Amino acid sequence: MNAVAAVMDTERRAGRSGQGMGGEGGSPAPASPITFTMPVPPSVNQMFRNVRGKGRVKTGHYEQWRATCATSLRLQQIASIPGPVVVLFGVERQSSRADIDNRIKAMLDAIVAAKIISDDDQVTAFAASWLPPANGLAHVQILPAAPVGIEFHPSTDRATGGWFMAHQHGDEDGNLAI
């Protein structure tokens, strides 16, 4: 099972068990986690170039990715998630020489531009991993900033892997224990 399938299965089980359905005393439930995909972004090194007299400008490659990504996110009709969040990224690896941290900025900027979150200053934490190449997609899950248990499972060659939601058990007071 890939990381996204595991996350979606965790969401399905959480909904069935009543988790995330609201607290005691009628307090509203925190926003539900959201899961979506976007095209793998270019590296930060390919996003901008220096132009004499203008300074740093967006490259055509980056502008094309932004337009494609905006369309992809719009077609998925992703709900916004308010307030501080935790973001899990699984990025399909396209080159063994690529650095995963060079992909995060473009993805966060696209998520803000699509109004899924209000600003990237709302990202309290994130985790990122390379996934095996498949369809040229980045898989994203955004959760309200709250205690969350995640585990990293590397692939057999350790060049890729995925983040999985850890199975959580609640005690009689509703406190979570991993």
Protein backbone atom coordinates (compact mmCIF):
# COMPACT_ATOMS: atom_id res chain seq x y z
CA MET A 1 0.00 0.00 0.00
CA ASN A 2 1.46 3.39 -0.90
CA ALA A 3 1.60 6.37 1.46
CA VAL A 4 -1.47 8.06 0.02
CA ALA A 5 -3.53 4.86 0.15
CA ALA A 6 -2.49 4.37 3.77
CA VAL A 7 -3.45 7.94 4.66
CA MET A 8 -6.79 7.62 2.87
CA ASP A 9 -7.45 4.29 4.63
CA THR A 10 -6.67 5.97 7.96
CA GLU A 11 -9.12 8.77 7.13
CA ARG A 12 -11.81 6.24 6.20
CA ARG A 13 -11.35 4.34 9.47
CA ALA A 14 -11.31 7.55 11.52
CA GLY A 15 -14.62 8.65 9.98
CA ARG A 16 -16.21 5.27 10.63
CA SER A 17 -15.07 5.22 14.26
CA GLY A 18 -16.48 8.68 14.96
CA GLN A 19 -13.13 10.42 15.41
CA GLY A 20 -13.16 14.02 14.28
CA MET A 21 -16.92 14.29 14.75
CA GLY A 22 -16.80 17.03 17.38
CA GLY A 23 -15.78 17.27 20.99
CA GLU A 24 -17.87 17.07 24.11
CA GLY A 25 -20.11 19.97 25.03
CA GLY A 26 -21.00 20.71 21.42
CA SER A 27 -17.62 22.18 20.53
CA PRO A 28 -17.01 22.15 16.79
CA ALA A 29 -14.89 19.41 15.28
CA PRO A 30 -11.51 20.41 13.94
CA ALA A 31 -11.33 20.61 10.17
CA SER A 32 -10.95 17.20 8.55
CA PRO A 33 -7.68 16.27 6.89
CA ILE A 34 -7.61 16.84 3.15
CA THR A 35 -5.71 14.78 0.58
CA PHE A 36 -4.93 15.73 -3.00
CA THR A 37 -2.29 15.55 -5.72
CA MET A 38 -0.44 18.10 -7.79
CA PRO A 39 2.19 17.83 -10.53
CA VAL A 40 5.74 17.49 -9.20
CA PRO A 41 7.14 21.02 -9.15
CA PRO A 42 10.42 22.12 -10.63
CA SER A 43 13.39 22.46 -8.32
CA VAL A 44 13.93 25.88 -6.74
CA ASN A 45 17.01 26.03 -8.98
CA GLN A 46 14.68 25.95 -12.04
CA MET A 47 12.07 28.41 -10.73
CA PHE A 48 13.89 31.72 -11.17
CA ARG A 49 16.63 33.25 -13.28
CA ASN A 50 18.50 36.51 -13.05
CA VAL A 51 17.73 39.06 -15.76
CA ARG A 52 19.94 42.10 -16.16
CA GLY A 53 18.01 45.20 -15.18
CA LYS A 54 15.10 43.22 -13.69
CA GLY A 55 16.64 40.97 -11.06
CA ARG A 56 15.16 37.54 -10.37
CA VAL A 57 12.21 36.56 -12.56
CA LYS A 58 10.12 33.41 -12.82
CA THR A 59 11.22 31.04 -15.56
CA GLY A 60 8.86 29.91 -18.30
CA HIS A 61 9.13 26.36 -16.92
CA TYR A 62 7.98 27.53 -13.49
CA GLU A 63 5.14 29.66 -14.93
CA GLN A 64 3.92 26.65 -16.96
CA TRP A 65 4.03 24.43 -13.87
CA ARG A 66 2.09 27.03 -11.84
CA ALA A 67 -0.67 27.18 -14.48
CA THR A 68 -0.89 23.38 -14.77
CA CYS A 69 -0.89 23.01 -11.00
CA ALA A 70 -3.59 25.67 -10.53
CA THR A 71 -5.83 23.84 -13.00
CA SER A 72 -5.18 20.50 -11.32
CA LEU A 73 -6.02 21.85 -7.86
CA ARG A 74 -9.14 23.67 -9.12
CA LEU A 75 -10.46 20.51 -10.82
CA GLN A 76 -10.05 18.54 -7.58
CA GLN A 77 -12.33 21.04 -5.78
CA ILE A 78 -10.24 20.96 -2.61
CA ALA A 79 -11.81 22.50 0.47
CA SER A 80 -9.80 25.06 2.38
CA ILE A 81 -8.50 24.23 5.83
CA PRO A 82 -8.34 27.13 8.29
CA GLY A 83 -5.70 27.93 10.86
CA PRO A 84 -2.40 26.27 11.67
CA VAL A 85 -1.75 23.03 9.79
CA VAL A 86 0.60 20.08 9.43
CA VAL A 87 1.45 19.05 5.86
CA LEU A 88 2.66 15.66 4.61
CA PHE A 89 4.30 15.57 1.18
CA GLY A 90 5.05 12.46 -0.86
CA VAL A 91 6.82 13.48 -4.06
CA GLU A 92 7.36 11.01 -6.88
CA ARG A 93 11.10 10.96 -7.46
CA GLN A 94 12.11 11.83 -11.01
CA SER A 95 15.89 11.94 -10.56
CA SER A 96 18.24 10.34 -8.08
CA ARG A 97 20.18 13.61 -7.97
CA ALA A 98 17.21 15.82 -6.95
CA ASP A 99 16.91 17.36 -3.48
CA ILE A 100 13.47 17.01 -1.91
CA ASP A 101 13.73 20.28 0.01
CA ASN A 102 13.95 22.14 -3.33
CA ARG A 103 10.33 21.10 -4.10
CA ILE A 104 8.59 22.29 -0.91
CA LYS A 105 8.46 26.06 -1.62
CA ALA A 106 6.72 25.69 -4.98
CA MET A 107 4.16 23.26 -3.54
CA LEU A 108 3.37 25.51 -0.57
CA ASP A 109 3.09 28.57 -2.81
CA ALA A 110 0.64 26.68 -5.07
CA ILE A 111 -1.42 25.54 -2.07
CA VAL A 112 -1.70 29.15 -0.89
CA ALA A 113 -2.50 30.44 -4.40
CA ALA A 114 -5.32 27.86 -4.61
CA LYS A 115 -6.63 29.16 -1.25
CA ILE A 116 -6.38 25.73 0.37
CA ILE A 117 -4.55 27.43 3.26
CA SER A 118 -4.47 31.18 3.86
CA ASP A 119 -0.68 31.57 3.97
CA ASP A 120 2.34 29.34 4.37
CA ASP A 121 2.98 30.96 7.75
CA GLN A 122 0.10 28.70 8.90
CA VAL A 123 2.27 25.60 8.33
CA THR A 124 3.34 24.54 11.81
CA ALA A 125 5.17 21.43 10.61
CA PHE A 126 5.71 19.34 7.51
CA ALA A 127 7.24 16.02 6.54
CA ALA A 128 8.38 15.12 3.05
CA SER A 129 9.50 11.94 1.36
CA TRP A 130 10.41 10.75 -2.10
CA LEU A 131 8.00 8.22 -3.55
CA PRO A 132 8.83 5.83 -6.40
CA PRO A 133 8.21 7.41 -9.83
CA ALA A 134 4.74 6.72 -11.25
CA ASN A 135 2.68 9.57 -12.71
CA GLY A 136 4.76 12.68 -12.02
CA LEU A 137 2.65 13.65 -9.02
CA ALA A 138 3.18 15.00 -5.55
CA HIS A 139 0.74 13.58 -2.99
CA VAL A 140 -0.28 15.99 -0.23
CA GLN A 141 -2.22 15.65 2.99
CA ILE A 142 -3.02 18.67 5.16
CA LEU A 143 -4.25 18.22 8.73
CA PRO A 144 -5.18 20.70 11.44
CA ALA A 145 -2.18 21.36 13.71
CA ALA A 146 -2.82 18.89 16.50
CA PRO A 147 -1.00 15.86 17.88
CA VAL A 148 -0.44 13.44 15.04
CA GLY A 149 1.56 10.25 14.90
CA ILE A 150 3.39 9.50 11.68
CA GLU A 151 5.94 6.85 10.83
CA PHE A 152 8.43 6.79 7.97
CA HIS A 153 8.78 3.52 6.06
CA PRO A 154 11.71 3.43 3.61
CA SER A 155 11.59 1.37 0.45
CA THR A 156 13.88 -1.65 0.18
CA ASP A 157 16.51 0.39 -1.68
CA ARG A 158 16.07 3.30 0.81
CA ALA A 159 15.98 5.81 -2.07
CA THR A 160 12.24 6.39 -1.55
CA GLY A 161 9.71 5.80 1.17
CA GLY A 162 6.55 7.15 2.65
CA TRP A 163 4.97 8.70 5.72
CA PHE A 164 2.17 6.67 7.27
CA MET A 165 -0.29 7.71 9.91
CA ALA A 166 0.49 5.76 13.07
CA HIS A 167 -2.36 3.78 14.58
CA GLN A 168 -3.64 5.77 17.54
CA HIS A 169 -5.58 4.53 20.55
CA GLY A 170 -7.58 6.81 22.82
CA ASP A 171 -7.83 6.30 26.55
CA GLU A 172 -11.06 6.78 28.52
CA ASP A 173 -10.40 10.54 28.73
CA GLY A 174 -9.99 10.84 24.95
CA ASN A 175 -6.22 11.37 25.14
CA LEU A 176 -4.34 9.80 22.27
CA ALA A 177 -1.54 7.32 22.79
CA ILE A 178 0.58 6.02 19.94
